[in-house]
């Protein structure tokens, strides 16, 4: 893409989307933005981004549109209908959905876009707020190979690992595999630290030993210090992770695949949601364990 002539659009400026759009802006592109709350876009607008009053107006003005919204229902309403991206984008444009969404919805979007002479890719990301801020996201892409080649350099501005996995929906299926692995690693980290504390050990000293050995994982190294420091702010919301786990469960059922760990993780995060943790980061799984197994300690005490 040519920074001098190609205008990019970005819809959805939450914890990750704002950083992703910011990297494109810093790379010299004209970036038009839209999000439901204009206040969330103010930092980007101050840095030179241009505001569009609606997704339809943005789609009509941009060669490439990136979307990063919350739920599959948000994706569906954003892409379809008379005010949607597919109906209002110009022929030859690229629509790249970075939301973690349903694989079957990604396939529907691709088919509908193709009818109108558009190119649609599903490109969910992994790396959380830190990866988005540092342009170190892993981006998993599904869709036409030529369309992927056309936007790969743009994706590489936002992520350090950008790989096409296959046709439409393949990026979303890969993200489901990613979320299952994260769930297992996170559960392992929480239980390891819970055990260490129960044994009377200093969990930070334990982490120094096990974090660099064969038990090491990104979750253990990055999320455990947050847990121990009482930092449960969302790099990735529990409510969104639960959404992902449920998509993975539905897809697994369609494949007739039995995944006991995924079932267990969905149950734990469903409990977290029911107990009011939905707006916290996934590392708040630690709070659930501490409340259950350390009787008499309040949530306020645990978060100090």
C-alpha atoms as a PDB file:
ATOM      1  CA  UNK A   1       0.000   0.000   0.000  1.00  0.00           C
ATOM      2  CA  UNK A   2       1.113   3.540  -0.814  1.00  0.00           C
ATOM      3  CA  UNK A   3       1.189   5.903   2.168  1.00  0.00           C
ATOM      4  CA  UNK A   4       0.751   8.849  -0.173  1.00  0.00           C
ATOM      5  CA  UNK A   5      -2.479   7.698  -1.808  1.00  0.00           C
ATOM      6  CA  UNK A   6      -4.149   4.956   0.208  1.00  0.00           C
ATOM      7  CA  UNK A   7      -6.478   5.910   3.019  1.00  0.00           C
ATOM      8  CA  UNK A   8      -7.019   3.386   5.793  1.00  0.00           C
ATOM      9  CA  UNK A   9     -10.011   3.040   8.059  1.00  0.00           C
ATOM     10  CA  UNK A  10     -10.180   1.651  11.576  1.00  0.00           C
ATOM     11  CA  UNK A  11     -13.391   0.855  13.437  1.00  0.00           C
ATOM     12  CA  UNK A  12     -13.254  -0.065  17.134  1.00  0.00           C
ATOM     13  CA  UNK A  13     -10.798   1.818  19.338  1.00  0.00           C
ATOM     14  CA  UNK A  14     -10.777  -0.131  22.567  1.00  0.00           C
ATOM     15  CA  UNK A  15      -7.856  -1.454  24.620  1.00  0.00           C
ATOM     16  CA  UNK A  16      -6.153  -2.923  21.541  1.00  0.00           C
ATOM     17  CA  UNK A  17      -7.715  -1.151  18.573  1.00  0.00           C
ATOM     18  CA  UNK A  18      -6.503   2.302  19.574  1.00  0.00           C
ATOM     19  CA  UNK A  19      -2.868   1.132  19.675  1.00  0.00           C
ATOM     20  CA  UNK A  20      -3.223  -0.739  16.379  1.00  0.00           C
ATOM     21  CA  UNK A  21      -4.680   2.285  14.605  1.00  0.00           C
ATOM     22  CA  UNK A  22      -1.975   4.450  16.155  1.00  0.00           C
ATOM     23  CA  UNK A  23       0.779   2.345  14.581  1.00  0.00           C
ATOM     24  CA  UNK A  24      -0.772   2.797  11.133  1.00  0.00           C
ATOM     25  CA  UNK A  25      -0.973   6.542  11.723  1.00  0.00           C
ATOM     26  CA  UNK A  26       2.671   6.709  12.819  1.00  0.00           C
ATOM     27  CA  UNK A  27       3.668   4.793   9.688  1.00  0.00           C
ATOM     28  CA  UNK A  28       2.490   7.758   7.618  1.00  0.00           C
ATOM     29  CA  UNK A  29      -0.937   6.608   6.460  1.00  0.00           C
ATOM     30  CA  UNK A  30      -4.045   8.718   6.426  1.00  0.00           C
ATOM     31  CA  UNK A  31      -6.281   6.945   8.933  1.00  0.00           C
ATOM     32  CA  UNK A  32     -10.003   7.564   9.251  1.00  0.00           C
ATOM     33  CA  UNK A  33     -11.590   6.254  12.435  1.00  0.00           C
ATOM     34  CA  UNK A  34     -14.978   5.482  13.909  1.00  0.00           C
ATOM     35  CA  UNK A  35     -15.993   4.108  17.284  1.00  0.00           C
ATOM     36  CA  UNK A  36     -19.249   4.245  19.196  1.00  0.00           C
ATOM     37  CA  UNK A  37     -17.815   6.701  21.717  1.00  0.00           C
ATOM     38  CA  UNK A  38     -15.952   9.523  19.989  1.00  0.00           C
ATOM     39  CA  UNK A  39     -14.154  10.327  23.245  1.00  0.00           C
ATOM     40  CA  UNK A  40     -12.187   7.069  22.855  1.00  0.00           C
ATOM     41  CA  UNK A  41     -10.839   8.370  19.553  1.00  0.00           C
ATOM     42  CA  UNK A  42      -9.668  11.733  20.886  1.00  0.00           C
ATOM     43  CA  UNK A  43      -6.045  10.729  21.366  1.00  0.00           C
ATOM     44  CA  UNK A  44      -5.830   9.503  17.772  1.00  0.00           C
ATOM     45  CA  UNK A  45      -7.652  12.579  16.471  1.00  0.00           C
ATOM     46  CA  UNK A  46      -5.155  14.771  18.304  1.00  0.00           C
ATOM     47  CA  UNK A  47      -2.386  12.832  16.535  1.00  0.00           C
ATOM     48  CA  UNK A  48      -3.860  13.424  13.087  1.00  0.00           C
ATOM     49  CA  UNK A  49      -6.492  10.747  12.512  1.00  0.00           C
ATOM     50  CA  UNK A  50      -9.706  11.839  10.808  1.00  0.00           C
ATOM     51  CA  UNK A  51     -13.156  11.203  12.265  1.00  0.00           C
ATOM     52  CA  UNK A  52     -15.963   9.652  10.219  1.00  0.00           C
ATOM     53  CA  UNK A  53     -19.551   9.945  11.381  1.00  0.00           C
ATOM     54  CA  UNK A  54     -20.536   6.374  10.500  1.00  0.00           C
ATOM     55  CA  UNK A  55     -19.090   3.027   9.378  1.00  0.00           C
ATOM     56  CA  UNK A  56     -20.757   3.503   6.010  1.00  0.00           C
ATOM     57  CA  UNK A  57     -19.049   6.858   5.434  1.00  0.00           C
ATOM     58  CA  UNK A  58     -15.711   5.417   6.519  1.00  0.00           C
ATOM     59  CA  UNK A  59     -16.048   2.409   4.196  1.00  0.00           C
ATOM     60  CA  UNK A  60     -16.807   4.659   1.247  1.00  0.00           C
ATOM     61  CA  UNK A  61     -13.692   6.760   1.892  1.00  0.00           C
ATOM     62  CA  UNK A  62     -11.084   4.037   2.498  1.00  0.00           C
ATOM     63  CA  UNK A  63      -9.146   1.519   0.443  1.00  0.00           C
ATOM     64  CA  UNK A  64      -8.606  -0.771   3.438  1.00  0.00           C
ATOM     65  CA  UNK A  65     -10.844  -0.988   6.508  1.00  0.00           C
ATOM     66  CA  UNK A  66      -9.800  -2.721   9.733  1.00  0.00           C
ATOM     67  CA  UNK A  67     -12.406  -3.644  12.328  1.00  0.00           C
ATOM     68  CA  UNK A  68     -11.802  -4.564  15.971  1.00  0.00           C
ATOM     69  CA  UNK A  69     -15.085  -4.809  17.849  1.00  0.00           C
ATOM     70  CA  UNK A  70     -16.446  -6.918  20.700  1.00  0.00           C
ATOM     71  CA  UNK A  71     -18.713  -9.779  19.713  1.00  0.00           C
ATOM     72  CA  UNK A  72     -19.815 -11.710  16.614  1.00  0.00           C
ATOM     73  CA  UNK A  73     -23.155  -9.873  16.802  1.00  0.00           C
ATOM     74  CA  UNK A  74     -21.237  -6.571  16.537  1.00  0.00           C
ATOM     75  CA  UNK A  75     -19.325  -7.884  13.533  1.00  0.00           C
ATOM     76  CA  UNK A  76     -22.494  -9.047  11.815  1.00  0.00           C
ATOM     77  CA  UNK A  77     -24.306  -5.728  12.257  1.00  0.00           C
ATOM     78  CA  UNK A  78     -21.193  -3.810  11.170  1.00  0.00           C
ATOM     79  CA  UNK A  79     -20.667  -5.729   7.942  1.00  0.00           C
ATOM     80  CA  UNK A  80     -24.198  -6.479   6.738  1.00  0.00           C
ATOM     81  CA  UNK A  81     -27.246  -4.366   5.927  1.00  0.00           C
ATOM     82  CA  UNK A  82     -27.793  -1.150   4.012  1.00  0.00           C
ATOM     83  CA  UNK A  83     -25.529   0.795   6.396  1.00  0.00           C
ATOM     84  CA  UNK A  84     -22.908  -1.924   6.613  1.00  0.00           C
ATOM     85  CA  UNK A  85     -19.363  -2.066   5.298  1.00  0.00           C
ATOM     86  CA  UNK A  86     -20.048  -4.537   2.502  1.00  0.00           C
ATOM     87  CA  UNK A  87     -22.861  -2.449   1.056  1.00  0.00           C
ATOM     88  CA  UNK A  88     -20.926   0.836   1.231  1.00  0.00           C
ATOM     89  CA  UNK A  89     -17.313  -0.015   0.425  1.00  0.00           C
ATOM     90  CA  UNK A  90     -16.052   0.698  -3.076  1.00  0.00           C
ATOM     91  CA  UNK A  91     -15.222  -2.207  -5.376  1.00  0.00           C
ATOM     92  CA  UNK A  92     -11.635  -3.331  -4.960  1.00  0.00           C
ATOM     93  CA  UNK A  93     -11.495  -2.398  -1.268  1.00  0.00           C
ATOM     94  CA  UNK A  94     -10.192  -4.673   1.473  1.00  0.00           C
ATOM     95  CA  UNK A  95     -12.141  -5.426   4.658  1.00  0.00           C
ATOM     96  CA  UNK A  96     -10.019  -6.920   7.439  1.00  0.00           C
ATOM     97  CA  UNK A  97     -11.757  -8.066  10.607  1.00  0.00           C
ATOM     98  CA  UNK A  98      -9.392  -8.374  13.568  1.00  0.00           C
ATOM     99  CA  UNK A  99     -12.180  -9.253  16.005  1.00  0.00           C
ATOM    100  CA  UNK A 100     -12.147 -12.750  17.444  1.00  0.00           C
ATOM    101  CA  UNK A 101     -15.379 -14.036  15.963  1.00  0.00           C
ATOM    102  CA  UNK A 102     -17.093 -17.121  14.579  1.00  0.00           C
ATOM    103  CA  UNK A 103     -15.378 -18.971  11.705  1.00  0.00           C
ATOM    104  CA  UNK A 104     -18.707 -19.472   9.921  1.00  0.00           C
ATOM    105  CA  UNK A 105     -19.431 -15.726  10.097  1.00  0.00           C
ATOM    106  CA  UNK A 106     -16.017 -14.986   8.575  1.00  0.00           C
ATOM    107  CA  UNK A 107     -16.866 -17.303   5.685  1.00  0.00           C
ATOM    108  CA  UNK A 108     -20.229 -15.546   5.171  1.00  0.00           C
ATOM    109  CA  UNK A 109     -18.577 -12.132   5.141  1.00  0.00           C
ATOM    110  CA  UNK A 110     -16.005 -13.290   2.603  1.00  0.00           C
ATOM    111  CA  UNK A 111     -18.662 -14.696   0.280  1.00  0.00           C
ATOM    112  CA  UNK A 112     -20.868 -11.581   0.501  1.00  0.00           C
ATOM    113  CA  UNK A 113     -17.884  -9.275  -0.035  1.00  0.00           C
ATOM    114  CA  UNK A 114     -16.772 -11.212  -3.098  1.00  0.00           C
ATOM    115  CA  UNK A 115     -20.158 -10.714  -4.749  1.00  0.00           C
ATOM    116  CA  UNK A 116     -19.612  -6.946  -4.532  1.00  0.00           C
ATOM    117  CA  UNK A 117     -16.029  -7.053  -5.797  1.00  0.00           C
ATOM    118  CA  UNK A 118     -14.489  -6.657  -2.332  1.00  0.00           C
ATOM    119  CA  UNK A 119     -11.824  -8.650  -0.532  1.00  0.00           C
ATOM    120  CA  UNK A 120     -12.519  -9.781   3.037  1.00  0.00           C
ATOM    121  CA  UNK A 121     -10.042 -11.333   5.449  1.00  0.00           C
ATOM    122  CA  UNK A 122     -10.496 -12.633   8.983  1.00  0.00           C
ATOM    123  CA  UNK A 123      -7.393 -11.614  10.936  1.00  0.00           C
ATOM    124  CA  UNK A 124      -7.851 -12.111  14.692  1.00  0.00           C
ATOM    125  CA  UNK A 125      -4.917 -11.147  16.876  1.00  0.00           C
ATOM    126  CA  UNK A 126      -3.200 -12.371  20.027  1.00  0.00           C
ATOM    127  CA  UNK A 127      -0.904 -10.522  22.389  1.00  0.00           C
ATOM    128  CA  UNK A 128      -3.261  -8.411  24.489  1.00  0.00           C
ATOM    129  CA  UNK A 129      -2.720  -4.787  25.409  1.00  0.00           C
ATOM    130  CA  UNK A 130       1.061  -5.199  25.657  1.00  0.00           C
ATOM    131  CA  UNK A 131       1.353  -6.775  22.205  1.00  0.00           C
ATOM    132  CA  UNK A 132      -0.885  -4.105  20.684  1.00  0.00           C
ATOM    133  CA  UNK A 133       1.076  -1.275  22.311  1.00  0.00           C
ATOM    134  CA  UNK A 134       4.434  -2.667  21.175  1.00  0.00           C
ATOM    135  CA  UNK A 135       3.287  -3.743  17.691  1.00  0.00           C
ATOM    136  CA  UNK A 136       4.168  -7.332  18.638  1.00  0.00           C
ATOM    137  CA  UNK A 137       0.810  -8.951  17.975  1.00  0.00           C
ATOM    138  CA  UNK A 138       0.450 -12.378  16.441  1.00  0.00           C
ATOM    139  CA  UNK A 139      -2.024 -12.055  13.566  1.00  0.00           C
ATOM    140  CA  UNK A 140      -3.755 -15.175  12.218  1.00  0.00           C
ATOM    141  CA  UNK A 141      -5.285 -14.665   8.791  1.00  0.00           C
ATOM    142  CA  UNK A 142      -7.916 -16.471   6.766  1.00  0.00           C
ATOM    143  CA  UNK A 143      -8.917 -15.617   3.210  1.00  0.00           C
ATOM    144  CA  UNK A 144      -7.708 -15.291  -0.360  1.00  0.00           C
ATOM    145  CA  UNK A 145      -3.924 -15.483  -0.734  1.00  0.00           C
ATOM    146  CA  UNK A 146      -3.671 -12.543  -3.148  1.00  0.00           C
ATOM    147  CA  UNK A 147      -5.752 -10.370  -0.789  1.00  0.00           C
ATOM    148  CA  UNK A 148      -3.504 -11.383   2.093  1.00  0.00           C
ATOM    149  CA  UNK A 149      -0.405 -10.451   0.095  1.00  0.00           C
ATOM    150  CA  UNK A 150      -1.924  -7.040  -0.655  1.00  0.00           C
ATOM    151  CA  UNK A 151      -2.384  -6.108   3.017  1.00  0.00           C
ATOM    152  CA  UNK A 152       0.386  -8.126   4.692  1.00  0.00           C
ATOM    153  CA  UNK A 153       2.689  -5.111   4.998  1.00  0.00           C
ATOM    154  CA  UNK A 154      -0.062  -3.200   6.813  1.00  0.00           C
ATOM    155  CA  UNK A 155      -0.638  -6.077   9.200  1.00  0.00           C
ATOM    156  CA  UNK A 156       3.115  -6.224   9.808  1.00  0.00           C
ATOM    157  CA  UNK A 157       3.004  -2.635  11.088  1.00  0.00           C
ATOM    158  CA  UNK A 158       0.765  -3.854  13.910  1.00  0.00           C
ATOM    159  CA  UNK A 159       2.152  -7.327  14.505  1.00  0.00           C
ATOM    160  CA  UNK A 160       5.429  -9.208  14.527  1.00  0.00           C
ATOM    161  CA  UNK A 161       4.030 -12.593  13.458  1.00  0.00           C
ATOM    162  CA  UNK A 162       1.639 -12.441  10.509  1.00  0.00           C
ATOM    163  CA  UNK A 163       0.688 -15.779   8.954  1.00  0.00           C
ATOM    164  CA  UNK A 164      -2.058 -16.789   6.525  1.00  0.00           C
ATOM    165  CA  UNK A 165      -3.592 -20.043   7.747  1.00  0.00           C
ATOM    166  CA  UNK A 166      -5.884 -20.850   4.822  1.00  0.00           C
ATOM    167  CA  UNK A 167      -9.184 -19.793   3.322  1.00  0.00           C
ATOM    168  CA  UNK A 168     -12.027 -17.795   4.880  1.00  0.00           C
ATOM    169  CA  UNK A 169     -12.513 -18.689   8.549  1.00  0.00           C
ATOM    170  CA  UNK A 170      -9.060 -20.251   8.935  1.00  0.00           C
ATOM    171  CA  UNK A 171      -7.797 -17.272  10.920  1.00  0.00           C
ATOM    172  CA  UNK A 172     -10.686 -17.618  13.363  1.00  0.00           C
ATOM    173  CA  UNK A 173     -10.160 -21.361  13.759  1.00  0.00           C
ATOM    174  CA  UNK A 174      -6.479 -20.692  14.500  1.00  0.00           C
ATOM    175  CA  UNK A 175      -7.477 -18.104  17.108  1.00  0.00           C
ATOM    176  CA  UNK A 176      -9.712 -20.690  18.758  1.00  0.00           C
ATOM    177  CA  UNK A 177      -6.722 -23.036  19.034  1.00  0.00           C
ATOM    178  CA  UNK A 178      -4.774 -20.117  20.508  1.00  0.00           C
ATOM    179  CA  UNK A 179      -7.450 -19.395  23.130  1.00  0.00           C
ATOM    180  CA  UNK A 180      -7.630 -23.036  24.182  1.00  0.00           C
ATOM    181  CA  UNK A 181      -3.859 -23.065  24.730  1.00  0.00           C
ATOM    182  CA  UNK A 182      -4.047 -19.791  26.690  1.00  0.00           C
ATOM    183  CA  UNK A 183      -6.777 -21.178  28.920  1.00  0.00           C
ATOM    184  CA  UNK A 184      -4.664 -24.201  29.792  1.00  0.00           C
ATOM    185  CA  UNK A 185      -1.540 -22.142  30.441  1.00  0.00           C
ATOM    186  CA  UNK A 186      -3.411 -19.591  32.548  1.00  0.00           C
ATOM    187  CA  UNK A 187      -5.144 -22.247  34.628  1.00  0.00           C
ATOM    188  CA  UNK A 188      -1.783 -23.934  35.175  1.00  0.00           C
ATOM    189  CA  UNK A 189      -0.153 -20.677  36.277  1.00  0.00           C
ATOM    190  CA  UNK A 190      -2.947 -19.910  38.757  1.00  0.00           C
ATOM    191  CA  UNK A 191      -2.919 -23.387  40.254  1.00  0.00           C
ATOM    192  CA  UNK A 192       0.892 -23.434  40.493  1.00  0.00           C
ATOM    193  CA  UNK A 193       0.962 -20.166  42.425  1.00  0.00           C
ATOM    194  CA  UNK A 194      -2.000 -21.202  44.587  1.00  0.00           C
ATOM    195  CA  UNK A 195      -0.150 -24.404  45.467  1.00  0.00           C
ATOM    196  CA  UNK A 196       3.093 -22.539  46.174  1.00  0.00           C
ATOM    197  CA  UNK A 197       1.331 -20.166  48.568  1.00  0.00           C
ATOM    198  CA  UNK A 198      -0.411 -23.083  50.279  1.00  0.00           C
ATOM    199  CA  UNK A 199       2.996 -24.694  50.855  1.00  0.00           C
ATOM    200  CA  UNK A 200       4.217 -21.537  52.574  1.00  0.00           C
ATOM    201  CA  UNK A 201       6.593 -20.554  49.761  1.00  0.00           C
ATOM    202  CA  UNK A 202       7.266 -17.063  48.426  1.00  0.00           C
ATOM    203  CA  UNK A 203       5.410 -17.173  45.083  1.00  0.00           C
ATOM    204  CA  UNK A 204       7.738 -14.600  43.504  1.00  0.00           C
ATOM    205  CA  UNK A 205      10.757 -16.758  44.334  1.00  0.00           C
ATOM    206  CA  UNK A 206       8.961 -19.827  42.994  1.00  0.00           C
ATOM    207  CA  UNK A 207       8.190 -17.939  39.782  1.00  0.00           C
ATOM    208  CA  UNK A 208      11.880 -17.096  39.374  1.00  0.00           C
ATOM    209  CA  UNK A 209      12.627 -20.835  39.319  1.00  0.00           C
ATOM    210  CA  UNK A 210       9.766 -22.295  37.322  1.00  0.00           C
ATOM    211  CA  UNK A 211       9.290 -19.420  34.882  1.00  0.00           C
ATOM    212  CA  UNK A 212      12.558 -20.128  33.076  1.00  0.00           C
ATOM    213  CA  UNK A 213      12.287 -23.916  33.027  1.00  0.00           C
ATOM    214  CA  UNK A 214      10.158 -26.378  31.110  1.00  0.00           C
ATOM    215  CA  UNK A 215       7.039 -25.057  32.895  1.00  0.00           C
ATOM    216  CA  UNK A 216       7.596 -21.604  31.440  1.00  0.00           C
ATOM    217  CA  UNK A 217       4.881 -19.890  29.385  1.00  0.00           C
ATOM    218  CA  UNK A 218       3.849 -16.381  28.386  1.00  0.00           C
ATOM    219  CA  UNK A 219       0.955 -16.571  30.832  1.00  0.00           C
ATOM    220  CA  UNK A 220       3.211 -17.620  33.706  1.00  0.00           C
ATOM    221  CA  UNK A 221       5.821 -14.935  33.024  1.00  0.00           C
ATOM    222  CA  UNK A 222       3.474 -12.048  32.222  1.00  0.00           C
ATOM    223  CA  UNK A 223       0.232 -12.672  34.076  1.00  0.00           C
ATOM    224  CA  UNK A 224       1.546 -14.100  37.347  1.00  0.00           C
ATOM    225  CA  UNK A 225       3.379 -10.872  38.333  1.00  0.00           C
ATOM    226  CA  UNK A 226       0.129  -8.987  37.680  1.00  0.00           C
ATOM    227  CA  UNK A 227      -1.790 -11.419  39.883  1.00  0.00           C
ATOM    228  CA  UNK A 228       0.713 -11.158  42.720  1.00  0.00           C
ATOM    229  CA  UNK A 229       0.802  -7.367  42.408  1.00  0.00           C
ATOM    230  CA  UNK A 230      -2.983  -7.045  42.628  1.00  0.00           C
ATOM    231  CA  UNK A 231      -3.216  -5.769  39.043  1.00  0.00           C
ATOM    232  CA  UNK A 232      -6.390  -7.136  37.476  1.00  0.00           C
ATOM    233  CA  UNK A 233      -6.927  -4.392  34.893  1.00  0.00           C
ATOM    234  CA  UNK A 234      -7.882  -5.794  31.513  1.00  0.00           C
ATOM    235  CA  UNK A 235      -5.247  -6.477  28.942  1.00  0.00           C
ATOM    236  CA  UNK A 236      -7.965  -8.783  27.700  1.00  0.00           C
ATOM    237  CA  UNK A 237     -11.425  -8.754  29.271  1.00  0.00           C
ATOM    238  CA  UNK A 238     -12.829 -11.846  30.966  1.00  0.00           C
ATOM    239  CA  UNK A 239     -16.151 -11.208  29.211  1.00  0.00           C
ATOM    240  CA  UNK A 240     -14.409 -11.369  25.820  1.00  0.00           C
ATOM    241  CA  UNK A 241     -12.355 -14.425  26.723  1.00  0.00           C
ATOM    242  CA  UNK A 242     -15.525 -16.235  27.790  1.00  0.00           C
ATOM    243  CA  UNK A 243     -17.053 -15.313  24.429  1.00  0.00           C
ATOM    244  CA  UNK A 244     -14.039 -16.862  22.692  1.00  0.00           C
ATOM    245  CA  UNK A 245     -14.195 -20.056  24.745  1.00  0.00           C
ATOM    246  CA  UNK A 246     -17.865 -20.470  23.870  1.00  0.00           C
ATOM    247  CA  UNK A 247     -17.153 -19.988  20.169  1.00  0.00           C
ATOM    248  CA  UNK A 248     -14.436 -22.637  20.453  1.00  0.00           C
ATOM    249  CA  UNK A 249     -16.839 -25.006  22.228  1.00  0.00           C
ATOM    250  CA  UNK A 250     -19.486 -24.555  19.547  1.00  0.00           C
ATOM    251  CA  UNK A 251     -16.933 -25.169  16.797  1.00  0.00           C
ATOM    252  CA  UNK A 252     -15.559 -28.229  18.600  1.00  0.00           C
ATOM    253  CA  UNK A 253     -19.069 -29.671  18.883  1.00  0.00           C
ATOM    254  CA  UNK A 254     -19.560 -29.189  15.144  1.00  0.00           C
ATOM    255  CA  UNK A 255     -16.331 -31.178  14.602  1.00  0.00           C
ATOM    256  CA  UNK A 256     -17.517 -33.786  17.139  1.00  0.00           C
ATOM    257  CA  UNK A 257     -14.311 -33.130  19.103  1.00  0.00           C
ATOM    258  CA  UNK A 258     -14.280 -33.715  22.871  1.00  0.00           C
ATOM    259  CA  UNK A 259     -12.047 -31.186  24.670  1.00  0.00           C
ATOM    260  CA  UNK A 260     -12.299 -31.599  28.470  1.00  0.00           C
ATOM    261  CA  UNK A 261      -9.925 -28.738  29.313  1.00  0.00           C
ATOM    262  CA  UNK A 262     -11.943 -26.360  27.172  1.00  0.00           C
ATOM    263  CA  UNK A 263     -15.111 -27.469  28.987  1.00  0.00           C
ATOM    264  CA  UNK A 264     -13.452 -26.822  32.356  1.00  0.00           C
ATOM    265  CA  UNK A 265     -12.125 -23.405  31.302  1.00  0.00           C
ATOM    266  CA  UNK A 266     -15.534 -22.312  30.027  1.00  0.00           C
ATOM    267  CA  UNK A 267     -17.062 -23.294  33.363  1.00  0.00           C
ATOM    268  CA  UNK A 268     -14.485 -21.348  35.394  1.00  0.00           C
ATOM    269  CA  UNK A 269     -14.776 -18.195  33.299  1.00  0.00           C
ATOM    270  CA  UNK A 270     -18.551 -18.471  33.281  1.00  0.00           C
ATOM    271  CA  UNK A 271     -18.399 -18.457  37.096  1.00  0.00           C
ATOM    272  CA  UNK A 272     -16.139 -15.378  36.982  1.00  0.00           C
ATOM    273  CA  UNK A 273     -18.632 -13.602  34.753  1.00  0.00           C
ATOM    274  CA  UNK A 274     -21.536 -14.550  37.028  1.00  0.00           C
ATOM    275  CA  UNK A 275     -19.644 -13.248  40.070  1.00  0.00           C
ATOM    276  CA  UNK A 276     -19.075  -9.834  38.510  1.00  0.00           C
ATOM    277  CA  UNK A 277     -15.517 -10.168  37.214  1.00  0.00           C
ATOM    278  CA  UNK A 278     -16.400  -9.688  33.521  1.00  0.00           C
ATOM    279  CA  UNK A 279     -14.749  -6.269  33.228  1.00  0.00           C
ATOM    280  CA  UNK A 280     -11.447  -7.462  34.693  1.00  0.00           C
ATOM    281  CA  UNK A 281      -8.505  -9.014  32.887  1.00  0.00           C
ATOM    282  CA  UNK A 282      -8.202 -12.778  32.443  1.00  0.00           C
ATOM    283  CA  UNK A 283      -5.588 -12.908  35.229  1.00  0.00           C
ATOM    284  CA  UNK A 284      -8.472 -12.321  37.665  1.00  0.00           C
ATOM    285  CA  UNK A 285      -8.964 -16.088  37.508  1.00  0.00           C
ATOM    286  CA  UNK A 286      -6.497 -15.931  40.414  1.00  0.00           C
ATOM    287  CA  UNK A 287      -9.086 -14.082  42.518  1.00  0.00           C
ATOM    288  CA  UNK A 288     -11.608 -16.855  42.015  1.00  0.00           C
ATOM    289  CA  UNK A 289      -9.121 -19.431  43.290  1.00  0.00           C
ATOM    290  CA  UNK A 290      -8.140 -17.290  46.265  1.00  0.00           C
ATOM    291  CA  UNK A 291     -11.745 -16.600  47.241  1.00  0.00           C
ATOM    292  CA  UNK A 292     -12.635 -20.276  47.036  1.00  0.00           C
ATOM    293  CA  UNK A 293      -9.595 -21.728  48.774  1.00  0.00           C
ATOM    294  CA  UNK A 294      -8.628 -18.989  51.227  1.00  0.00           C
ATOM    295  CA  UNK A 295     -11.755 -18.642  53.340  1.00  0.00           C
ATOM    296  CA  UNK A 296     -12.337 -15.343  55.061  1.00  0.00           C
ATOM    297  CA  UNK A 297     -10.391 -13.164  52.625  1.00  0.00           C
ATOM    298  CA  UNK A 298     -12.517 -10.570  50.865  1.00  0.00           C
ATOM    299  CA  UNK A 299     -12.130  -9.562  47.261  1.00  0.00           C
ATOM    300  CA  UNK A 300     -10.951  -6.120  48.403  1.00  0.00           C
ATOM    301  CA  UNK A 301      -8.180  -7.709  50.472  1.00  0.00           C
ATOM    302  CA  UNK A 302      -7.090  -9.864  47.553  1.00  0.00           C
ATOM    303  CA  UNK A 303      -6.878  -6.894  45.190  1.00  0.00           C
ATOM    304  CA  UNK A 304      -4.669  -4.854  47.527  1.00  0.00           C
END
